C-alpha atoms as a PDB file:
ATOM      1  CA  UNK A   1     101.609  67.354 149.873  1.00  0.00           C
ATOM      2  CA  UNK A   2     104.146  64.585 149.240  1.00  0.00           C
ATOM      3  CA  UNK A   3     101.462  61.998 149.958  1.00  0.00           C
ATOM      4  CA  UNK A   4      98.972  63.726 147.653  1.00  0.00           C
ATOM      5  CA  UNK A   5     101.503  63.963 144.803  1.00  0.00           C
ATOM      6  CA  UNK A   6     102.716  60.395 145.374  1.00  0.00           C
ATOM      7  CA  UNK A   7     106.335  61.406 146.001  1.00  0.00           C
ATOM      8  CA  UNK A   8     108.396  58.743 147.767  1.00  0.00           C
ATOM      9  CA  UNK A   9     111.575  60.394 149.084  1.00  0.00           C
ATOM     10  CA  UNK A  10     113.322  57.030 149.055  1.00  0.00           C
ATOM     11  CA  UNK A  11     112.904  56.870 145.269  1.00  0.00           C
ATOM     12  CA  UNK A  12     112.650  60.436 143.929  1.00  0.00           C
ATOM     13  CA  UNK A  13     113.420  63.946 145.108  1.00  0.00           C
ATOM     14  CA  UNK A  14     110.909  66.709 145.650  1.00  0.00           C
ATOM     15  CA  UNK A  15     110.560  68.779 142.421  1.00  0.00           C
ATOM     16  CA  UNK A  16     112.451  72.067 142.624  1.00  0.00           C
ATOM     17  CA  UNK A  17     111.140  75.454 141.486  1.00  0.00           C
ATOM     18  CA  UNK A  18     112.504  74.996 137.947  1.00  0.00           C
ATOM     19  CA  UNK A  19     110.648  71.705 137.520  1.00  0.00           C
ATOM     20  CA  UNK A  20     107.391  73.293 138.686  1.00  0.00           C
ATOM     21  CA  UNK A  21     107.983  76.278 136.370  1.00  0.00           C
ATOM     22  CA  UNK A  22     108.609  74.003 133.379  1.00  0.00           C
ATOM     23  CA  UNK A  23     105.460  72.056 134.188  1.00  0.00           C
ATOM     24  CA  UNK A  24     103.413  75.271 134.289  1.00  0.00           C
ATOM     25  CA  UNK A  25     104.847  76.343 130.929  1.00  0.00           C
ATOM     26  CA  UNK A  26     103.982  72.916 129.510  1.00  0.00           C
ATOM     27  CA  UNK A  27     100.379  73.334 130.663  1.00  0.00           C
ATOM     28  CA  UNK A  28     100.215  76.777 129.057  1.00  0.00           C
ATOM     29  CA  UNK A  29     101.907  75.687 125.809  1.00  0.00           C
ATOM     30  CA  UNK A  30      99.401  72.890 125.205  1.00  0.00           C
ATOM     31  CA  UNK A  31      96.377  74.785 126.602  1.00  0.00           C
ATOM     32  CA  UNK A  32      95.876  72.004 129.140  1.00  0.00           C
ATOM     33  CA  UNK A  33      94.292  74.202 131.799  1.00  0.00           C
ATOM     34  CA  UNK A  34      91.360  74.665 129.395  1.00  0.00           C
ATOM     35  CA  UNK A  35      91.205  70.876 129.004  1.00  0.00           C
ATOM     36  CA  UNK A  36      91.308  70.488 132.797  1.00  0.00           C
ATOM     37  CA  UNK A  37      88.483  73.023 133.245  1.00  0.00           C
ATOM     38  CA  UNK A  38      86.402  71.288 130.555  1.00  0.00           C
ATOM     39  CA  UNK A  39      87.072  67.855 132.048  1.00  0.00           C
ATOM     40  CA  UNK A  40      85.858  68.954 135.494  1.00  0.00           C
ATOM     41  CA  UNK A  41      82.754  70.406 133.850  1.00  0.00           C
ATOM     42  CA  UNK A  42      82.117  67.179 131.934  1.00  0.00           C
ATOM     43  CA  UNK A  43      82.500  65.153 135.142  1.00  0.00           C
ATOM     44  CA  UNK A  44      80.005  67.366 136.983  1.00  0.00           C
ATOM     45  CA  UNK A  45      77.583  67.240 134.067  1.00  0.00           C
ATOM     46  CA  UNK A  46      77.840  63.447 134.038  1.00  0.00           C
ATOM     47  CA  UNK A  47      76.854  63.411 137.719  1.00  0.00           C
ATOM     48  CA  UNK A  48      73.896  65.734 137.163  1.00  0.00           C
ATOM     49  CA  UNK A  49      75.565  68.717 138.847  1.00  0.00           C
ATOM     50  CA  UNK A  50      75.788  70.909 135.750  1.00  0.00           C
ATOM     51  CA  UNK A  51      72.458  71.210 133.911  1.00  0.00           C
ATOM     52  CA  UNK A  52      73.216  72.321 130.379  1.00  0.00           C
ATOM     53  CA  UNK A  53      70.969  70.142 128.265  1.00  0.00           C
ATOM     54  CA  UNK A  54      68.085  67.653 128.301  1.00  0.00           C
ATOM     55  CA  UNK A  55      64.586  68.295 129.608  1.00  0.00           C
ATOM     56  CA  UNK A  56      65.663  70.452 132.540  1.00  0.00           C
ATOM     57  CA  UNK A  57      65.642  74.146 131.593  1.00  0.00           C
ATOM     58  CA  UNK A  58      69.115  75.631 131.372  1.00  0.00           C
ATOM     59  CA  UNK A  59      69.741  79.023 132.917  1.00  0.00           C
ATOM     60  CA  UNK A  60      72.931  81.060 132.964  1.00  0.00           C
ATOM     61  CA  UNK A  61      74.230  83.969 135.010  1.00  0.00           C
ATOM     62  CA  UNK A  62      77.069  86.078 133.621  1.00  0.00           C
ATOM     63  CA  UNK A  63      79.373  88.560 135.311  1.00  0.00           C
ATOM     64  CA  UNK A  64      82.969  89.732 135.510  1.00  0.00           C
ATOM     65  CA  UNK A  65      85.418  90.742 138.209  1.00  0.00           C
ATOM     66  CA  UNK A  66      88.638  92.749 138.144  1.00  0.00           C
ATOM     67  CA  UNK A  67      91.847  91.117 139.346  1.00  0.00           C
ATOM     68  CA  UNK A  68      94.667  93.532 140.035  1.00  0.00           C
ATOM     69  CA  UNK A  69      98.047  93.326 138.337  1.00  0.00           C
ATOM     70  CA  UNK A  70     101.269  94.659 139.895  1.00  0.00           C
ATOM     71  CA  UNK A  71     101.580  98.317 138.789  1.00  0.00           C
ATOM     72  CA  UNK A  72     105.294  98.459 139.593  1.00  0.00           C
ATOM     73  CA  UNK A  73     107.845  99.185 136.849  1.00  0.00           C
ATOM     74  CA  UNK A  74     110.713  97.716 138.871  1.00  0.00           C
ATOM     75  CA  UNK A  75     111.323  94.839 136.466  1.00  0.00           C
ATOM     76  CA  UNK A  76     113.535  93.894 133.551  1.00  0.00           C
ATOM     77  CA  UNK A  77     111.513  95.813 130.963  1.00  0.00           C
ATOM     78  CA  UNK A  78     111.054  98.859 133.252  1.00  0.00           C
ATOM     79  CA  UNK A  79     107.356  98.936 132.349  1.00  0.00           C
ATOM     80  CA  UNK A  80     103.970  97.715 133.494  1.00  0.00           C
ATOM     81  CA  UNK A  81     102.493  94.651 131.835  1.00  0.00           C
ATOM     82  CA  UNK A  82     101.483  95.907 128.339  1.00  0.00           C
ATOM     83  CA  UNK A  83      98.608  93.391 128.111  1.00  0.00           C
ATOM     84  CA  UNK A  84      96.945  94.768 131.244  1.00  0.00           C
ATOM     85  CA  UNK A  85      94.952  97.987 131.314  1.00  0.00           C
ATOM     86  CA  UNK A  86      93.316 100.260 133.820  1.00  0.00           C
ATOM     87  CA  UNK A  87      89.611 100.839 134.254  1.00  0.00           C
ATOM     88  CA  UNK A  88      87.417 102.861 136.564  1.00  0.00           C
ATOM     89  CA  UNK A  89      84.951 101.108 138.860  1.00  0.00           C
ATOM     90  CA  UNK A  90      82.882 103.488 140.885  1.00  0.00           C
ATOM     91  CA  UNK A  91      85.282 106.257 141.878  1.00  0.00           C
ATOM     92  CA  UNK A  92      88.382 104.062 141.955  1.00  0.00           C
ATOM     93  CA  UNK A  93      90.832 103.149 139.209  1.00  0.00           C
ATOM     94  CA  UNK A  94      92.066  99.559 138.864  1.00  0.00           C
ATOM     95  CA  UNK A  95      94.949  98.146 136.792  1.00  0.00           C
ATOM     96  CA  UNK A  96      94.831  94.522 135.765  1.00  0.00           C
ATOM     97  CA  UNK A  97      92.575  92.059 133.965  1.00  0.00           C
ATOM     98  CA  UNK A  98      88.975  90.878 134.067  1.00  0.00           C
ATOM     99  CA  UNK A  99      87.677  87.373 134.607  1.00  0.00           C
ATOM    100  CA  UNK A 100      84.363  86.903 132.764  1.00  0.00           C
ATOM    101  CA  UNK A 101      82.351  83.829 133.733  1.00  0.00           C
ATOM    102  CA  UNK A 102      79.101  82.101 132.919  1.00  0.00           C
ATOM    103  CA  UNK A 103      77.454  80.264 135.829  1.00  0.00           C
ATOM    104  CA  UNK A 104      74.813  77.551 135.789  1.00  0.00           C
ATOM    105  CA  UNK A 105      72.005  78.920 137.954  1.00  0.00           C
ATOM    106  CA  UNK A 106      70.768  75.479 139.039  1.00  0.00           C
ATOM    107  CA  UNK A 107      74.103  74.443 140.575  1.00  0.00           C
ATOM    108  CA  UNK A 108      76.223  77.599 140.855  1.00  0.00           C
ATOM    109  CA  UNK A 109      78.951  75.876 138.819  1.00  0.00           C
ATOM    110  CA  UNK A 110      81.085  77.915 136.390  1.00  0.00           C
ATOM    111  CA  UNK A 111      80.695  76.508 132.874  1.00  0.00           C
ATOM    112  CA  UNK A 112      82.806  79.104 131.007  1.00  0.00           C
ATOM    113  CA  UNK A 113      85.704  81.384 131.971  1.00  0.00           C
ATOM    114  CA  UNK A 114      87.325  84.048 129.782  1.00  0.00           C
ATOM    115  CA  UNK A 115      90.153  86.453 130.592  1.00  0.00           C
ATOM    116  CA  UNK A 116      90.550  89.954 129.105  1.00  0.00           C
ATOM    117  CA  UNK A 117      92.207  93.241 129.936  1.00  0.00           C
ATOM    118  CA  UNK A 118      90.404  95.205 132.663  1.00  0.00           C
ATOM    119  CA  UNK A 119      89.131  97.864 130.249  1.00  0.00           C
ATOM    120  CA  UNK A 120      87.113  95.350 128.195  1.00  0.00           C
ATOM    121  CA  UNK A 121      83.386  96.045 128.495  1.00  0.00           C
ATOM    122  CA  UNK A 122      81.465  93.201 130.158  1.00  0.00           C
ATOM    123  CA  UNK A 123      78.822  93.181 127.452  1.00  0.00           C
ATOM    124  CA  UNK A 124      81.413  92.457 124.740  1.00  0.00           C
ATOM    125  CA  UNK A 125      82.198  89.078 126.339  1.00  0.00           C
ATOM    126  CA  UNK A 126      78.632  87.904 126.990  1.00  0.00           C
ATOM    127  CA  UNK A 127      78.558  85.781 123.830  1.00  0.00           C
ATOM    128  CA  UNK A 128      81.843  84.144 124.850  1.00  0.00           C
ATOM    129  CA  UNK A 129      80.549  83.025 128.267  1.00  0.00           C
ATOM    130  CA  UNK A 130      77.208  81.603 127.102  1.00  0.00           C
ATOM    131  CA  UNK A 131      77.274  77.924 126.095  1.00  0.00           C
ATOM    132  CA  UNK A 132      74.362  78.264 123.667  1.00  0.00           C
ATOM    133  CA  UNK A 133      71.796  75.995 125.316  1.00  0.00           C
ATOM    134  CA  UNK A 134      70.366  78.541 127.771  1.00  0.00           C
ATOM    135  CA  UNK A 135      66.671  79.165 128.058  1.00  0.00           C
ATOM    136  CA  UNK A 136      67.166  82.188 130.309  1.00  0.00           C
ATOM    137  CA  UNK A 137      70.060  84.557 130.951  1.00  0.00           C
ATOM    138  CA  UNK A 138      70.498  86.657 134.103  1.00  0.00           C
ATOM    139  CA  UNK A 139      72.902  89.599 134.197  1.00  0.00           C
ATOM    140  CA  UNK A 140      73.431  92.887 135.980  1.00  0.00           C
ATOM    141  CA  UNK A 141      72.919  96.377 134.551  1.00  0.00           C
ATOM    142  CA  UNK A 142      76.367  96.347 132.932  1.00  0.00           C
ATOM    143  CA  UNK A 143      74.904  94.077 130.250  1.00  0.00           C
ATOM    144  CA  UNK A 144      72.014  96.385 129.356  1.00  0.00           C
ATOM    145  CA  UNK A 145      71.253  96.135 125.631  1.00  0.00           C
ATOM    146  CA  UNK A 146      72.841  92.706 125.192  1.00  0.00           C
ATOM    147  CA  UNK A 147      69.603  91.273 123.812  1.00  0.00           C
ATOM    148  CA  UNK A 148      69.726  93.773 120.925  1.00  0.00           C
ATOM    149  CA  UNK A 149      73.283  92.994 119.826  1.00  0.00           C
ATOM    150  CA  UNK A 150      73.699  91.102 116.526  1.00  0.00           C
ATOM    151  CA  UNK A 151      75.641  88.198 118.067  1.00  0.00           C
ATOM    152  CA  UNK A 152      72.545  87.295 120.102  1.00  0.00           C
ATOM    153  CA  UNK A 153      70.005  87.698 117.303  1.00  0.00           C
ATOM    154  CA  UNK A 154      69.504  83.943 116.919  1.00  0.00           C
ATOM    155  CA  UNK A 155      69.208  83.179 120.639  1.00  0.00           C
ATOM    156  CA  UNK A 156      65.756  82.231 121.859  1.00  0.00           C
ATOM    157  CA  UNK A 157      66.205  83.006 125.528  1.00  0.00           C
ATOM    158  CA  UNK A 158      64.470  84.982 128.249  1.00  0.00           C
ATOM    159  CA  UNK A 159      66.674  87.984 128.996  1.00  0.00           C
ATOM    160  CA  UNK A 160      66.686  88.997 132.674  1.00  0.00           C
ATOM    161  CA  UNK A 161      69.016  91.987 132.804  1.00  0.00           C
ATOM    162  CA  UNK A 162      68.908  94.289 135.818  1.00  0.00           C
ATOM    163  CA  UNK A 163      67.307  97.676 135.357  1.00  0.00           C
ATOM    164  CA  UNK A 164      69.597 100.558 136.241  1.00  0.00           C
ATOM    165  CA  UNK A 165      68.802 102.144 139.608  1.00  0.00           C
ATOM    166  CA  UNK A 166      68.526 105.568 138.018  1.00  0.00           C
ATOM    167  CA  UNK A 167      65.741 104.300 135.748  1.00  0.00           C
ATOM    168  CA  UNK A 168      63.822 102.673 138.617  1.00  0.00           C
ATOM    169  CA  UNK A 169      64.096 105.848 140.732  1.00  0.00           C
ATOM    170  CA  UNK A 170      62.732 107.901 137.840  1.00  0.00           C
ATOM    171  CA  UNK A 171      59.585 105.765 137.596  1.00  0.00           C
ATOM    172  CA  UNK A 172      56.262 106.990 139.047  1.00  0.00           C
ATOM    173  CA  UNK A 173      55.750 105.646 142.572  1.00  0.00           C
ATOM    174  CA  UNK A 174      53.099 103.116 141.506  1.00  0.00           C
ATOM    175  CA  UNK A 175      55.350 101.572 138.854  1.00  0.00           C
ATOM    176  CA  UNK A 176      58.390 101.749 141.133  1.00  0.00           C
ATOM    177  CA  UNK A 177      56.540  99.774 143.817  1.00  0.00           C
ATOM    178  CA  UNK A 178      55.866  97.072 141.226  1.00  0.00           C
ATOM    179  CA  UNK A 179      59.370  97.028 139.731  1.00  0.00           C
ATOM    180  CA  UNK A 180      61.424  96.927 142.942  1.00  0.00           C
ATOM    181  CA  UNK A 181      60.116  93.552 144.277  1.00  0.00           C
ATOM    182  CA  UNK A 182      60.686  91.966 140.862  1.00  0.00           C
ATOM    183  CA  UNK A 183      64.240  93.315 140.730  1.00  0.00           C
ATOM    184  CA  UNK A 184      64.946  92.050 144.263  1.00  0.00           C
ATOM    185  CA  UNK A 185      63.750  88.553 143.305  1.00  0.00           C
ATOM    186  CA  UNK A 186      65.887  88.523 140.148  1.00  0.00           C
ATOM    187  CA  UNK A 187      68.896  89.849 142.055  1.00  0.00           C
ATOM    188  CA  UNK A 188      68.803  86.758 144.270  1.00  0.00           C
ATOM    189  CA  UNK A 189      69.264  84.623 141.156  1.00  0.00           C
ATOM    190  CA  UNK A 190      71.984  86.909 139.817  1.00  0.00           C
ATOM    191  CA  UNK A 191      73.834  86.605 143.158  1.00  0.00           C
ATOM    192  CA  UNK A 192      74.789  83.005 142.275  1.00  0.00           C
ATOM    193  CA  UNK A 193      77.684  84.317 140.208  1.00  0.00           C
ATOM    194  CA  UNK A 194      79.368  85.949 143.208  1.00  0.00           C
ATOM    195  CA  UNK A 195      80.091  82.626 144.935  1.00  0.00           C
ATOM    196  CA  UNK A 196      82.810  81.437 142.498  1.00  0.00           C
ATOM    197  CA  UNK A 197      84.439  84.878 142.683  1.00  0.00           C
ATOM    198  CA  UNK A 198      84.376  84.667 146.492  1.00  0.00           C
ATOM    199  CA  UNK A 199      86.087  81.264 146.421  1.00  0.00           C
ATOM    200  CA  UNK A 200      88.808  82.317 143.979  1.00  0.00           C
ATOM    201  CA  UNK A 201      89.502  85.715 145.538  1.00  0.00           C
ATOM    202  CA  UNK A 202      88.953  85.068 149.240  1.00  0.00           C
ATOM    203  CA  UNK A 203      89.357  81.327 149.895  1.00  0.00           C
ATOM    204  CA  UNK A 204      92.135  80.846 147.317  1.00  0.00           C
ATOM    205  CA  UNK A 205      93.414  84.412 147.982  1.00  0.00           C
ATOM    206  CA  UNK A 206      93.878  85.179 144.315  1.00  0.00           C
ATOM    207  CA  UNK A 207      93.364  88.932 144.531  1.00  0.00           C
ATOM    208  CA  UNK A 208      96.494  89.869 142.587  1.00  0.00           C
ATOM    209  CA  UNK A 209      97.941  88.413 139.399  1.00  0.00           C
ATOM    210  CA  UNK A 210     101.196  86.505 139.685  1.00  0.00           C
ATOM    211  CA  UNK A 211     102.349  86.478 136.064  1.00  0.00           C
ATOM    212  CA  UNK A 212     102.754  88.831 133.116  1.00  0.00           C
ATOM    213  CA  UNK A 213     100.496  88.499 130.094  1.00  0.00           C
ATOM    214  CA  UNK A 214      96.866  87.507 129.598  1.00  0.00           C
ATOM    215  CA  UNK A 215      97.577  83.963 128.393  1.00  0.00           C
ATOM    216  CA  UNK A 216      99.448  82.891 131.537  1.00  0.00           C
ATOM    217  CA  UNK A 217      96.974  84.486 133.923  1.00  0.00           C
ATOM    218  CA  UNK A 218      93.921  83.200 132.049  1.00  0.00           C
ATOM    219  CA  UNK A 219      95.402  79.703 132.168  1.00  0.00           C
ATOM    220  CA  UNK A 220      95.757  79.995 135.939  1.00  0.00           C
ATOM    221  CA  UNK A 221      92.221  81.346 136.278  1.00  0.00           C
ATOM    222  CA  UNK A 222      90.778  78.326 134.462  1.00  0.00           C
ATOM    223  CA  UNK A 223      92.523  76.045 136.948  1.00  0.00           C
ATOM    224  CA  UNK A 224      91.243  78.115 139.877  1.00  0.00           C
ATOM    225  CA  UNK A 225      87.648  78.103 138.620  1.00  0.00           C
ATOM    226  CA  UNK A 226      87.843  74.349 137.984  1.00  0.00           C
ATOM    227  CA  UNK A 227      88.893  73.903 141.621  1.00  0.00           C
ATOM    228  CA  UNK A 228      86.216  76.382 142.737  1.00  0.00           C
ATOM    229  CA  UNK A 229      83.615  74.200 141.006  1.00  0.00           C
ATOM    230  CA  UNK A 230      84.751  71.228 143.073  1.00  0.00           C
ATOM    231  CA  UNK A 231      84.460  73.319 146.241  1.00  0.00           C
ATOM    232  CA  UNK A 232      80.929  74.377 145.260  1.00  0.00           C
ATOM    233  CA  UNK A 233      79.717  70.794 144.771  1.00  0.00           C
ATOM    234  CA  UNK A 234      81.867  69.207 147.481  1.00  0.00           C
ATOM    235  CA  UNK A 235      78.964  68.375 149.815  1.00  0.00           C
ATOM    236  CA  UNK A 236      76.945  66.822 146.996  1.00  0.00           C
ATOM    237  CA  UNK A 237      79.897  64.739 145.828  1.00  0.00           C
ATOM    238  CA  UNK A 238      80.513  63.572 149.408  1.00  0.00           C
ATOM    239  CA  UNK A 239      76.844  62.593 149.706  1.00  0.00           C
ATOM    240  CA  UNK A 240      77.142  60.631 146.473  1.00  0.00           C
ATOM    241  CA  UNK A 241      80.268  58.890 147.742  1.00  0.00           C
ATOM    242  CA  UNK A 242      82.310  60.397 144.890  1.00  0.00           C
ATOM    243  CA  UNK A 243      85.021  61.967 147.071  1.00  0.00           C
END
């Protein structure tokens, strides 16, 4: 780590916890993690690894994941983080925030990341995670009805939103046999969005929030997704001699 950071112990000392903390606050104060995320995206786009414009069709996959926040009240304020909320997923309640992302289908790279409280509906953030140049959008059943919302009225895209299982099961057998193969094929495209979540949650082990407040945790998430993008395209960059 000293070699990576360029720290020569004969000249300077290793930064202590306060120095690292002040540096993190400086990044948050000037919104530099957003700039870092955007810069990584621009670099990948320059190398043809993020297809957002030009003659190649642009496709996007959107989704969100819940990241747990500490529910303990054993802190100075004697309360849980007021900016976090609880939500029910399946039969289980979760307290924390949501990371909403838009993923380029061609490369699997995250082009947009937004943080909200866990109780924010996925569909409300779809407009925020689309970059505006998509020709097709893929999303799961949680985004049903997105194409009819006013914020998407001007978009000329092909909407590929998963049909709810209950609707497919209610179809006559002949129609169900036609719909299920199509849904399976589309689900393979939608699965692209799970890879960045896997990297952040499992490889980087970011399954629980470290800070209080949405701003601090969203700033950290942008850094993590920027690094996840580099992991996703690592082999391609190595083949290009860029790493």
